[in-house]
């Protein structure tokens, strides 16, 4: 908030009566209203833009001649935990790429630690150089079909709602619960009536979509086809086009990135790890790819900033204009989104800015409470050889429900490499029980060994995919020993691993070190025959029983379309 002294400085510097605190001189501003590139200085007083479309002098001046100034980019929906690094390293990883605002949902850590995890993110958001905003996690647990580490009720969320970093209520994943008028779901929706409520409605159409939207939900990042997107847009939703490490929807939805539709769409990453950020970028990479696919630059940059800000009620950002927050990105090339400088609230983004942040100690240590397992724990008994198998679809978290006939001996179903049918198991890890759900999955291409992850959306039990039970047990036991993370086992040895000891979700290392550690992990998975581009996050989404069609939890195989366990 401005006081009289601040307002006086803003007025004087905006009029040019006194030098501005900072001036970006000699560049061109990309006008996201008209699409024009205008020669313009940009004058900044403190954290606020005070002058454009004119010449200014400043106490400090930076020459941006030949360059283009655009508003900072906004990631409208992300889980920082899925970057495998804590909020401070996430900040250092993405802010230099121009992401000056990120709206996160800490429901990954909340499903492990409950309110303590959300409170940690609210505290961390006060320390980041980028503006980290928080939507309060609406679905902890996501469903009653799995064992979560914690439970967060409507009253817990209301107690946090007044925090200045809170936008509203995070993705309402339990859309079946909304439509069934579950009392817990309705209590949360009622508590946040009139505030922003994020949606999560994969494949929801027609009357059911109408009913879902009637509750006040306004966004969706689970749209995967243009037809689905156009229905949601026509019904008042803002469609958040997602490009994560597993779910990659930009190619399917790039036709929406047009000038007429751009006020009603935005970009998000949802779940993206440091390896993919380093190799393909973040929101900057989405802008670049959208333009390469034929989107007008005005539509791409508008979706990445102005439209995103309006969708989430952040009316102080999204344009290079007087009175707006000085979140700015300086580009060498508009089509290539070639970022050279970034300013966050008027501050140049450099090492000094990051070094000045207060330190927040990690939480959630020793959260993996599972007991060691044996190969025998992964037996798959059944009444016969016919069963349903989870069908992985590369680049999607939607899975197929595949009928298969598998080898069957002594009352147990067995792995069939010829059909690319290997075992998948979820081991409860929160100390509440010793559940282990076992089923089969198709699509990994695995010929031997096993890969395991303590990142298992959304309850984050231990999930393991393997061609033999001994290596599955070895990989799971390695995760228990290192407080969670990723592990690859083959022929009785651990081939590669990465510890994620903060709640079993995040590393204590720098994002550069995590990037480096992911390379041998992916190489080890390839040695097992795994053909998926991002095998570890693909494993992490197998236990997500709010995404069609077939998933697995620690309680068993789930038919998501029926929201019921499979009994065969």
Foldseek 3Di string as FASTA:
>chain_A
DDDPVLVVLLVCCLVQVDAAAEKAAAAWEQFLVPRDTHGWIWGDHQQFTRYIPDDGHHPYYHYQHLWYKFFAFEALEAAVLLQQADPLLVLVQAVLLRHQEYEYEPLQLCQQVNLVSVVLVLVVCVFGLRNYAYAYELPNPLDPLFDTLDDDFLVSVLVVCPRPRYLYHEENLPLVCQVVVPVRNLSNLVSGPPTAYAYEDAPDDDPSVVSSCVSPHAEYANYAAQVVVVRSVVVRHQYADEPEPFAHRCVRHLVQLESVNLLRYAYHHHRHYLLCCVVQNGLLSSLLVSVVVPHDLSSSLQRRFVSSCVSRVVVQTRGSDGSHGPFMFMASDSNNSHTDWTAHSNHTDDPVSSVPTDDDDFDQFLQFAADADALVVQWAFAPFQWDWAWEDDTNNLATDTHIDGADADPRTGAADLVQQKWKKKFFAGRPPDGFIAIDIYHDFQFDAWKKWFQQAPRSRTIMMTGNGSRRRSVQVVVQSVLLAWMWTDGPNDTQATDRSRRSNRHDPDRSVVVSVRVVSVVVSSVVRRGDHPDPHVSRNSQQHLSHDAWHAHSNYIAGSVVRDHDHD
